[in-house]
């Protein structure tokens, strides 16, 4: 018997080549299909108006991201920040959702992702390192988020902010 050399057809129809050709055809199909698909862009989140007011701990609790407008506030060192832009971190289901609607000073200072439900936490028992850590967090929040107002101590009266005030400093 004479050995015959494989023909082009034999090479083309070998199992390995059939598998490779199938993969190539599939990939080309996916590339072409992707050029004709339209990507649906979700509608932009409606902008909520800026909030500027001092609040008690009880008032702050209302802003944990579960309210109708979805606003998320938290307080650090007595300053309330609107962290709604960071809702994926601070809102419901986020890794820092324990801070939403609460005074987060103690939790951020100690590194514990928990916030107390005290009426007022004066955090006077924090160590100097923890106080410094809380101050660093406060500075980071000041750079990134809008200041809403001050977290009021029991018996303290709120400051009346005028509508045109855009200052970020709180006394």
N, C-alpha and C. Protein backbone atom coordinates (compact mmCIF):
# COMPACT_ATOMS: atom_id res chain seq x y z
N UNK A 1 0.82 -1.16 0.00
CA UNK A 1 0.00 0.00 0.00
C UNK A 1 0.87 1.23 0.00
N UNK A 2 0.46 2.14 -0.75
CA UNK A 2 1.23 3.36 -0.87
C UNK A 2 0.68 4.39 0.11
N UNK A 3 1.61 5.08 0.76
CA UNK A 3 1.20 6.15 1.67
C UNK A 3 0.75 7.34 0.84
N UNK A 4 -0.39 7.84 1.19
CA UNK A 4 -0.88 9.02 0.49
C UNK A 4 -0.80 10.21 1.42
N UNK A 5 -0.42 11.29 0.87
CA UNK A 5 -0.34 12.51 1.67
C UNK A 5 -1.74 13.04 1.91
N UNK A 6 -1.97 13.60 3.11
CA UNK A 6 -3.30 14.16 3.39
C UNK A 6 -3.57 15.35 2.47
N UNK A 7 -4.77 15.46 2.06
CA UNK A 7 -5.17 16.55 1.19
C UNK A 7 -5.60 17.75 2.04
N UNK A 8 -5.80 18.83 1.36
CA UNK A 8 -6.26 20.05 2.04
C UNK A 8 -7.57 19.78 2.76
N UNK A 9 -8.47 19.06 2.11
CA UNK A 9 -9.77 18.75 2.70
C UNK A 9 -9.61 17.92 3.96
N UNK A 10 -8.68 17.00 3.96
CA UNK A 10 -8.44 16.17 5.14
C UNK A 10 -7.93 17.05 6.30
N UNK A 11 -7.04 17.98 5.98
CA UNK A 11 -6.53 18.88 7.02
C UNK A 11 -7.65 19.78 7.57
N UNK A 12 -8.47 20.27 6.69
CA UNK A 12 -9.53 21.19 7.07
C UNK A 12 -10.59 20.50 7.94
N UNK A 13 -10.86 19.26 7.70
CA UNK A 13 -11.92 18.56 8.42
C UNK A 13 -11.41 17.74 9.60
N UNK A 14 -10.18 17.97 10.01
CA UNK A 14 -9.69 17.26 11.18
C UNK A 14 -10.42 17.80 12.42
N UNK A 15 -10.65 17.00 13.44
CA UNK A 15 -11.41 17.45 14.62
C UNK A 15 -10.81 18.70 15.27
N UNK A 16 -9.50 18.80 15.37
CA UNK A 16 -8.88 19.96 15.99
C UNK A 16 -9.18 21.22 15.18
N UNK A 17 -9.06 21.14 13.88
CA UNK A 17 -9.32 22.30 13.03
C UNK A 17 -10.80 22.70 13.05
N UNK A 18 -11.69 21.74 13.13
CA UNK A 18 -13.11 22.05 13.20
C UNK A 18 -13.42 22.82 14.48
N UNK A 19 -12.84 22.39 15.59
CA UNK A 19 -13.04 23.09 16.86
C UNK A 19 -12.47 24.51 16.78
N UNK A 20 -11.26 24.65 16.26
CA UNK A 20 -10.65 25.97 16.15
C UNK A 20 -11.45 26.89 15.23
N UNK A 21 -11.92 26.36 14.13
CA UNK A 21 -12.72 27.17 13.20
C UNK A 21 -14.03 27.61 13.86
N UNK A 22 -14.62 26.73 14.64
CA UNK A 22 -15.87 27.07 15.35
C UNK A 22 -15.64 28.21 16.33
N UNK A 23 -14.55 28.15 17.05
CA UNK A 23 -14.22 29.20 18.01
C UNK A 23 -14.01 30.52 17.28
N UNK A 24 -13.28 30.50 16.19
CA UNK A 24 -13.02 31.72 15.42
C UNK A 24 -14.32 32.31 14.88
N UNK A 25 -15.18 31.48 14.34
CA UNK A 25 -16.45 31.97 13.79
C UNK A 25 -17.30 32.58 14.91
N UNK A 26 -17.33 31.93 16.08
CA UNK A 26 -18.10 32.45 17.22
C UNK A 26 -17.56 33.81 17.66
N UNK A 27 -16.25 33.94 17.78
CA UNK A 27 -15.65 35.21 18.21
C UNK A 27 -15.91 36.32 17.21
N UNK A 28 -15.79 36.02 15.93
CA UNK A 28 -16.07 37.03 14.90
C UNK A 28 -17.53 37.46 14.99
N UNK A 29 -18.44 36.49 15.19
CA UNK A 29 -19.86 36.81 15.36
C UNK A 29 -20.08 37.75 16.54
N UNK A 30 -19.45 37.47 17.69
CA UNK A 30 -19.62 38.31 18.87
C UNK A 30 -19.08 39.72 18.63
N UNK A 31 -17.97 39.84 17.94
CA UNK A 31 -17.39 41.15 17.66
C UNK A 31 -18.32 41.96 16.76
N UNK A 32 -18.81 41.33 15.71
CA UNK A 32 -19.71 42.03 14.78
C UNK A 32 -21.01 42.40 15.48
N UNK A 33 -21.55 41.49 16.27
CA UNK A 33 -22.79 41.75 16.99
C UNK A 33 -22.64 42.91 17.96
N UNK A 34 -21.49 43.01 18.63
CA UNK A 34 -21.28 44.07 19.62
C UNK A 34 -21.26 45.45 18.97
N UNK A 35 -20.90 45.54 17.72
CA UNK A 35 -20.88 46.83 17.04
C UNK A 35 -22.28 47.33 16.71
N UNK A 36 -23.25 46.43 16.66
CA UNK A 36 -24.60 46.82 16.29
C UNK A 36 -25.54 46.91 17.50
N UNK A 37 -25.08 46.51 18.67
CA UNK A 37 -25.91 46.59 19.86
C UNK A 37 -25.86 48.00 20.44
N UNK A 38 -26.98 48.44 20.97
CA UNK A 38 -27.01 49.72 21.65
C UNK A 38 -26.95 49.45 23.15
N UNK A 39 -26.14 50.20 23.81
CA UNK A 39 -26.00 50.06 25.24
C UNK A 39 -26.98 51.02 25.90
N UNK A 40 -27.83 50.47 26.76
CA UNK A 40 -28.79 51.32 27.45
C UNK A 40 -28.11 51.96 28.64
N UNK A 41 -28.12 53.28 28.65
CA UNK A 41 -27.53 54.03 29.74
C UNK A 41 -28.64 54.31 30.74
N UNK A 42 -28.42 53.95 32.01
CA UNK A 42 -29.48 54.23 32.99
C UNK A 42 -29.69 55.72 33.13
N UNK A 43 -30.93 56.12 33.40
CA UNK A 43 -31.18 57.56 33.54
C UNK A 43 -30.38 58.12 34.70
N UNK A 44 -29.94 59.36 34.57
CA UNK A 44 -29.15 59.95 35.66
C UNK A 44 -30.00 60.07 36.93
N UNK A 45 -29.32 59.92 38.04
CA UNK A 45 -30.00 60.07 39.33
C UNK A 45 -30.43 61.51 39.48
N UNK A 46 -31.70 61.73 39.80
CA UNK A 46 -32.13 63.13 39.94
C UNK A 46 -31.36 63.83 41.05
N UNK A 47 -30.98 65.04 40.75
CA UNK A 47 -30.22 65.84 41.72
C UNK A 47 -31.15 66.27 42.85
N UNK A 48 -30.72 66.01 44.06
CA UNK A 48 -31.53 66.45 45.20
C UNK A 48 -30.97 67.79 45.68
N UNK A 49 -31.84 68.67 46.14
CA UNK A 49 -31.36 70.00 46.55
C UNK A 49 -30.44 69.89 47.76
N UNK A 50 -29.53 70.87 47.84
CA UNK A 50 -28.61 70.90 48.99
C UNK A 50 -29.41 71.14 50.26
N UNK A 51 -28.93 70.51 51.29
CA UNK A 51 -29.56 70.65 52.60
C UNK A 51 -28.60 71.41 53.49
N UNK A 52 -29.09 72.40 54.20
CA UNK A 52 -28.23 73.20 55.05
C UNK A 52 -28.95 73.46 56.36
N UNK A 53 -28.67 72.65 57.38
CA UNK A 53 -29.30 72.85 58.68
C UNK A 53 -28.59 72.04 59.74
N UNK A 54 -28.70 72.50 60.95
CA UNK A 54 -28.19 71.76 62.10
C UNK A 54 -29.25 70.75 62.50
N UNK A 55 -28.82 69.63 63.07
CA UNK A 55 -29.76 68.57 63.43
C UNK A 55 -29.39 67.93 64.76
N UNK A 56 -30.42 67.39 65.37
CA UNK A 56 -30.20 66.57 66.55
C UNK A 56 -29.87 65.15 66.08
N UNK A 57 -29.45 64.31 67.00
CA UNK A 57 -29.17 62.92 66.66
C UNK A 57 -30.43 62.24 66.12
N UNK A 58 -31.58 62.53 66.71
CA UNK A 58 -32.84 61.94 66.25
C UNK A 58 -33.18 62.38 64.83
N UNK A 59 -32.95 63.64 64.50
CA UNK A 59 -33.21 64.13 63.14
C UNK A 59 -32.25 63.49 62.14
N UNK A 60 -31.00 63.34 62.54
CA UNK A 60 -29.99 62.76 61.66
C UNK A 60 -30.35 61.32 61.28
N UNK A 61 -30.95 60.59 62.19
CA UNK A 61 -31.31 59.18 61.94
C UNK A 61 -32.23 59.01 60.74
N UNK A 62 -32.98 60.04 60.40
CA UNK A 62 -33.91 59.96 59.27
C UNK A 62 -33.19 59.89 57.92
N UNK A 63 -31.91 60.20 57.91
CA UNK A 63 -31.16 60.29 56.65
C UNK A 63 -30.17 59.12 56.51
N UNK A 64 -30.72 57.91 56.51
CA UNK A 64 -29.88 56.71 56.40
C UNK A 64 -29.93 56.10 55.00
N UNK A 65 -30.53 56.82 54.05
CA UNK A 65 -30.60 56.33 52.68
C UNK A 65 -31.86 55.55 52.37
N UNK A 66 -32.71 55.31 53.36
CA UNK A 66 -33.94 54.54 53.12
C UNK A 66 -35.15 55.45 52.95
N UNK A 67 -34.95 56.76 53.10
CA UNK A 67 -36.07 57.69 52.93
C UNK A 67 -36.38 57.86 51.44
N UNK A 68 -37.46 58.54 51.12
CA UNK A 68 -37.94 58.67 49.74
C UNK A 68 -36.90 59.29 48.81
N UNK A 69 -36.19 60.32 49.27
CA UNK A 69 -35.21 60.96 48.39
C UNK A 69 -33.87 60.23 48.38
N UNK A 70 -33.67 59.30 49.30
CA UNK A 70 -32.44 58.50 49.33
C UNK A 70 -31.23 59.22 49.87
N UNK A 71 -31.43 60.35 50.52
CA UNK A 71 -30.30 61.12 51.04
C UNK A 71 -29.62 60.36 52.18
N UNK A 72 -28.28 60.42 52.18
CA UNK A 72 -27.49 59.78 53.23
C UNK A 72 -26.61 60.83 53.89
N UNK A 73 -26.79 60.98 55.20
CA UNK A 73 -25.98 61.91 55.99
C UNK A 73 -25.26 61.14 57.07
N UNK A 74 -24.12 61.67 57.49
CA UNK A 74 -23.43 61.15 58.67
C UNK A 74 -22.67 62.30 59.30
N UNK A 75 -22.34 62.13 60.56
CA UNK A 75 -21.63 63.18 61.28
C UNK A 75 -20.27 62.69 61.73
N UNK A 76 -19.29 63.60 61.68
CA UNK A 76 -17.94 63.33 62.18
C UNK A 76 -17.52 64.57 62.96
N UNK A 77 -17.11 64.38 64.19
CA UNK A 77 -16.67 65.49 65.05
C UNK A 77 -17.69 66.63 65.11
N UNK A 78 -18.97 66.27 65.15
CA UNK A 78 -20.01 67.28 65.28
C UNK A 78 -20.40 67.97 64.00
N UNK A 79 -19.82 67.58 62.86
CA UNK A 79 -20.15 68.18 61.57
C UNK A 79 -20.92 67.15 60.76
N UNK A 80 -22.07 67.55 60.21
CA UNK A 80 -22.90 66.65 59.42
C UNK A 80 -22.52 66.81 57.95
N UNK A 81 -22.27 65.67 57.29
CA UNK A 81 -21.90 65.65 55.88
C UNK A 81 -22.97 64.95 55.06
N UNK A 82 -23.21 65.45 53.86
CA UNK A 82 -24.11 64.80 52.92
C UNK A 82 -23.26 63.86 52.06
N UNK A 83 -23.33 62.56 52.35
CA UNK A 83 -22.52 61.56 51.66
C UNK A 83 -23.34 60.79 50.63
N UNK A 84 -24.42 61.40 50.15
CA UNK A 84 -25.29 60.74 49.19
C UNK A 84 -24.52 60.32 47.94
N UNK A 85 -23.55 61.13 47.51
CA UNK A 85 -22.73 60.75 46.33
C UNK A 85 -21.98 59.45 46.57
N UNK A 86 -21.66 59.15 47.80
CA UNK A 86 -20.97 57.92 48.16
C UNK A 86 -21.93 56.86 48.66
N UNK A 87 -23.16 56.88 48.15
CA UNK A 87 -24.21 55.99 48.63
C UNK A 87 -23.83 54.52 48.53
N UNK A 88 -23.04 54.16 47.54
CA UNK A 88 -22.67 52.74 47.42
C UNK A 88 -21.80 52.29 48.59
N UNK A 89 -21.18 53.24 49.29
CA UNK A 89 -20.40 52.91 50.48
C UNK A 89 -21.21 53.08 51.76
N UNK A 90 -21.96 54.19 51.84
CA UNK A 90 -22.62 54.56 53.09
C UNK A 90 -24.11 54.26 53.10
N UNK A 91 -24.71 54.00 51.94
CA UNK A 91 -26.13 53.73 51.88
C UNK A 91 -26.46 52.29 52.23
N UNK A 92 -27.74 51.94 52.16
CA UNK A 92 -28.17 50.58 52.50
C UNK A 92 -27.41 49.53 51.69
N UNK A 93 -26.88 48.54 52.39
CA UNK A 93 -26.13 47.47 51.75
C UNK A 93 -24.66 47.78 51.54
N UNK A 94 -24.24 49.00 51.78
CA UNK A 94 -22.85 49.39 51.59
C UNK A 94 -21.99 48.95 52.76
N UNK A 95 -20.68 48.89 52.55
CA UNK A 95 -19.80 48.41 53.62
C UNK A 95 -19.76 49.31 54.85
N UNK A 96 -20.12 50.59 54.69
CA UNK A 96 -20.12 51.52 55.82
C UNK A 96 -21.54 52.00 56.14
N UNK A 97 -22.53 51.20 55.81
CA UNK A 97 -23.92 51.59 56.03
C UNK A 97 -24.25 51.77 57.51
N UNK A 98 -23.44 51.19 58.39
CA UNK A 98 -23.67 51.36 59.83
C UNK A 98 -23.53 52.82 60.25
N UNK A 99 -22.83 53.63 59.45
CA UNK A 99 -22.63 55.04 59.78
C UNK A 99 -23.75 55.94 59.26
N UNK A 100 -24.57 55.44 58.35
CA UNK A 100 -25.60 56.26 57.71
C UNK A 100 -26.62 56.75 58.73
N UNK A 101 -26.83 58.06 58.74
CA UNK A 101 -27.80 58.65 59.64
C UNK A 101 -27.34 58.70 61.09
N UNK A 102 -26.03 58.59 61.30
CA UNK A 102 -25.52 58.53 62.68
C UNK A 102 -24.26 59.36 62.83
N UNK A 103 -23.84 59.50 64.08
CA UNK A 103 -22.55 60.11 64.39
C UNK A 103 -21.50 59.01 64.23
N UNK A 104 -20.67 59.12 63.22
CA UNK A 104 -19.70 58.09 62.89
C UNK A 104 -18.34 58.32 63.54
N UNK A 105 -18.21 59.34 64.37
CA UNK A 105 -16.92 59.72 64.93
C UNK A 105 -16.22 58.56 65.63
N UNK A 106 -16.89 57.94 66.58
CA UNK A 106 -16.28 56.87 67.35
C UNK A 106 -15.88 55.69 66.45
N UNK A 107 -16.77 55.28 65.57
CA UNK A 107 -16.48 54.16 64.68
C UNK A 107 -15.31 54.42 63.76
N UNK A 108 -15.25 55.62 63.18
CA UNK A 108 -14.14 55.96 62.29
C UNK A 108 -12.84 56.10 63.08
N UNK A 109 -12.90 56.65 64.27
CA UNK A 109 -11.71 56.86 65.09
C UNK A 109 -11.11 55.54 65.56
N UNK A 110 -11.96 54.58 65.88
CA UNK A 110 -11.48 53.30 66.41
C UNK A 110 -11.30 52.24 65.34
N UNK A 111 -11.78 52.52 64.13
CA UNK A 111 -11.66 51.54 63.05
C UNK A 111 -12.73 50.47 63.09
N UNK A 112 -13.73 50.65 63.93
CA UNK A 112 -14.83 49.69 64.01
C UNK A 112 -15.98 50.20 63.15
N UNK A 113 -16.43 49.36 62.23
CA UNK A 113 -17.54 49.76 61.36
C UNK A 113 -18.83 49.58 62.14
N UNK A 114 -19.03 50.49 63.05
CA UNK A 114 -20.24 50.51 63.86
C UNK A 114 -20.41 51.93 64.36
N UNK A 115 -21.62 52.30 64.54
CA UNK A 115 -21.91 53.63 65.08
C UNK A 115 -22.89 53.46 66.21
N UNK A 116 -22.73 54.27 67.21
CA UNK A 116 -23.60 54.16 68.37
C UNK A 116 -24.95 54.80 68.13
N UNK A 117 -25.92 54.39 68.93
CA UNK A 117 -27.25 54.97 68.86
C UNK A 117 -27.52 55.87 70.06
N UNK A 118 -26.45 56.37 70.66
CA UNK A 118 -26.61 57.25 71.82
C UNK A 118 -27.27 58.55 71.38
N UNK A 119 -27.95 59.19 72.34
CA UNK A 119 -28.52 60.51 72.05
C UNK A 119 -27.41 61.50 71.74
N UNK A 120 -26.31 61.40 72.46
CA UNK A 120 -25.15 62.25 72.19
C UNK A 120 -23.91 61.53 72.67
N UNK A 121 -22.91 61.41 71.83
CA UNK A 121 -21.65 60.76 72.19
C UNK A 121 -20.58 61.84 72.17
N UNK A 122 -20.10 62.23 73.36
CA UNK A 122 -19.12 63.32 73.41
C UNK A 122 -17.70 62.85 73.06
N UNK A 123 -17.50 61.58 72.87
CA UNK A 123 -16.23 60.95 72.48
C UNK A 123 -15.03 61.44 73.29
N UNK A 124 -15.28 61.91 74.51
CA UNK A 124 -14.20 62.43 75.34
C UNK A 124 -13.26 61.33 75.83
N UNK A 125 -13.69 60.09 75.72
CA UNK A 125 -12.85 58.98 76.19
C UNK A 125 -11.93 58.42 75.10
N UNK A 126 -11.91 59.03 73.91
CA UNK A 126 -11.03 58.56 72.84
C UNK A 126 -9.57 58.90 73.17
N UNK A 127 -8.67 58.03 72.73
CA UNK A 127 -7.25 58.27 72.93
C UNK A 127 -6.79 59.38 71.98
N UNK A 128 -5.62 59.97 72.23
CA UNK A 128 -5.11 61.01 71.32
C UNK A 128 -4.97 60.50 69.88
N UNK A 129 -4.55 59.25 69.72
CA UNK A 129 -4.44 58.69 68.36
C UNK A 129 -5.81 58.57 67.70
N UNK A 130 -6.80 58.18 68.47
CA UNK A 130 -8.16 58.05 67.93
C UNK A 130 -8.73 59.42 67.58
N UNK A 131 -8.45 60.42 68.39
CA UNK A 131 -8.89 61.79 68.09
C UNK A 131 -8.24 62.27 66.79
N UNK A 132 -6.95 61.98 66.63
CA UNK A 132 -6.25 62.36 65.40
C UNK A 132 -6.84 61.64 64.20
N UNK A 133 -7.17 60.37 64.37
CA UNK A 133 -7.78 59.60 63.28
C UNK A 133 -9.13 60.19 62.89
N UNK A 134 -9.94 60.55 63.88
CA UNK A 134 -11.24 61.16 63.59
C UNK A 134 -11.06 62.49 62.86
N UNK A 135 -10.04 63.26 63.24
CA UNK A 135 -9.77 64.54 62.57
C UNK A 135 -9.37 64.31 61.11
N UNK A 136 -8.58 63.27 60.85
CA UNK A 136 -8.20 62.95 59.47
C UNK A 136 -9.44 62.59 58.64
N UNK A 137 -10.34 61.80 59.24
CA UNK A 137 -11.59 61.46 58.55
C UNK A 137 -12.41 62.73 58.27
N UNK A 138 -12.50 63.60 59.25
CA UNK A 138 -13.24 64.85 59.08
C UNK A 138 -12.66 65.64 57.91
N UNK A 139 -11.34 65.75 57.85
CA UNK A 139 -10.70 66.50 56.76
C UNK A 139 -10.98 65.87 55.40
N UNK A 140 -10.97 64.54 55.35
CA UNK A 140 -11.28 63.86 54.09
C UNK A 140 -12.72 64.12 53.66
N UNK A 141 -13.64 64.06 54.62
CA UNK A 141 -15.04 64.33 54.29
C UNK A 141 -15.23 65.77 53.84
N UNK A 142 -14.52 66.71 54.46
CA UNK A 142 -14.62 68.12 54.06
C UNK A 142 -14.18 68.31 52.61
N UNK A 143 -13.18 67.57 52.18
CA UNK A 143 -12.70 67.69 50.81
C UNK A 143 -13.67 67.09 49.80
N UNK A 144 -14.39 66.05 50.20
CA UNK A 144 -15.17 65.28 49.24
C UNK A 144 -16.67 65.56 49.27
N UNK A 145 -17.22 65.89 50.43
CA UNK A 145 -18.66 65.99 50.57
C UNK A 145 -19.10 67.37 51.07
N UNK A 146 -20.37 67.69 50.81
CA UNK A 146 -20.95 68.95 51.26
C UNK A 146 -21.25 68.88 52.76
N UNK A 147 -21.03 69.99 53.42
CA UNK A 147 -21.37 70.11 54.83
C UNK A 147 -22.82 70.54 54.93
N UNK A 148 -23.58 69.83 55.75
CA UNK A 148 -24.99 70.15 55.95
C UNK A 148 -25.15 71.10 57.11
N UNK A 149 -24.48 70.82 58.22
CA UNK A 149 -24.59 71.65 59.41
C UNK A 149 -23.88 70.99 60.57
N UNK A 150 -24.31 71.34 61.77
CA UNK A 150 -23.70 70.79 62.98
C UNK A 150 -24.63 69.78 63.63
N UNK A 151 -24.04 68.80 64.28
CA UNK A 151 -24.81 67.86 65.08
C UNK A 151 -24.99 68.51 66.45
N UNK A 152 -26.24 68.74 66.81
CA UNK A 152 -26.56 69.49 68.02
C UNK A 152 -26.47 68.63 69.27
N UNK A 153 -25.86 69.20 70.28
CA UNK A 153 -25.85 68.56 71.60
C UNK A 153 -27.24 68.74 72.21
N UNK A 154 -27.61 67.92 73.18
CA UNK A 154 -28.91 68.12 73.83
C UNK A 154 -29.03 69.52 74.40
N UNK A 155 -30.13 70.19 74.09
CA UNK A 155 -30.38 71.54 74.59
C UNK A 155 -29.79 72.64 73.73
N UNK A 156 -28.96 72.31 72.75
CA UNK A 156 -28.35 73.32 71.89
C UNK A 156 -29.35 73.74 70.82
N UNK A 157 -29.32 75.01 70.44
CA UNK A 157 -30.25 75.51 69.43
C UNK A 157 -29.56 75.54 68.07
N UNK A 158 -30.33 75.27 67.01
CA UNK A 158 -29.74 75.26 65.67
C UNK A 158 -29.44 76.67 65.17
N UNK A 159 -28.42 76.77 64.35
CA UNK A 159 -28.06 78.04 63.71
C UNK A 159 -28.96 78.21 62.50
N UNK A 160 -29.35 79.44 62.19
CA UNK A 160 -30.18 79.72 61.03
C UNK A 160 -29.25 80.07 59.87
N UNK A 161 -29.11 79.16 58.90
CA UNK A 161 -28.26 79.40 57.74
C UNK A 161 -29.08 80.11 56.68
N UNK A 162 -28.51 81.19 56.10
CA UNK A 162 -29.23 81.86 55.03
C UNK A 162 -29.07 81.06 53.74
N UNK A 163 -30.01 81.24 52.83
CA UNK A 163 -30.07 80.47 51.58
C UNK A 163 -28.83 80.66 50.70
N UNK A 164 -28.21 81.84 50.76
CA UNK A 164 -27.09 82.13 49.88
C UNK A 164 -25.75 81.65 50.42
N UNK A 165 -25.74 81.15 51.62
CA UNK A 165 -24.49 80.74 52.26
C UNK A 165 -23.93 79.49 51.60
N UNK A 166 -22.77 79.59 51.05
CA UNK A 166 -22.11 78.44 50.43
C UNK A 166 -20.84 78.08 51.19
N UNK A 167 -20.63 78.72 52.36
CA UNK A 167 -19.39 78.47 53.08
C UNK A 167 -19.37 77.04 53.59
N UNK A 168 -18.18 76.50 53.71
CA UNK A 168 -18.03 75.14 54.20
C UNK A 168 -17.49 75.14 55.62
N UNK A 169 -17.27 76.31 56.19
CA UNK A 169 -16.73 76.39 57.55
C UNK A 169 -17.87 76.45 58.55
N UNK A 170 -17.71 75.70 59.61
CA UNK A 170 -18.67 75.75 60.70
C UNK A 170 -17.94 76.13 61.96
N UNK A 171 -18.52 77.03 62.71
CA UNK A 171 -17.90 77.43 63.98
C UNK A 171 -18.47 76.59 65.09
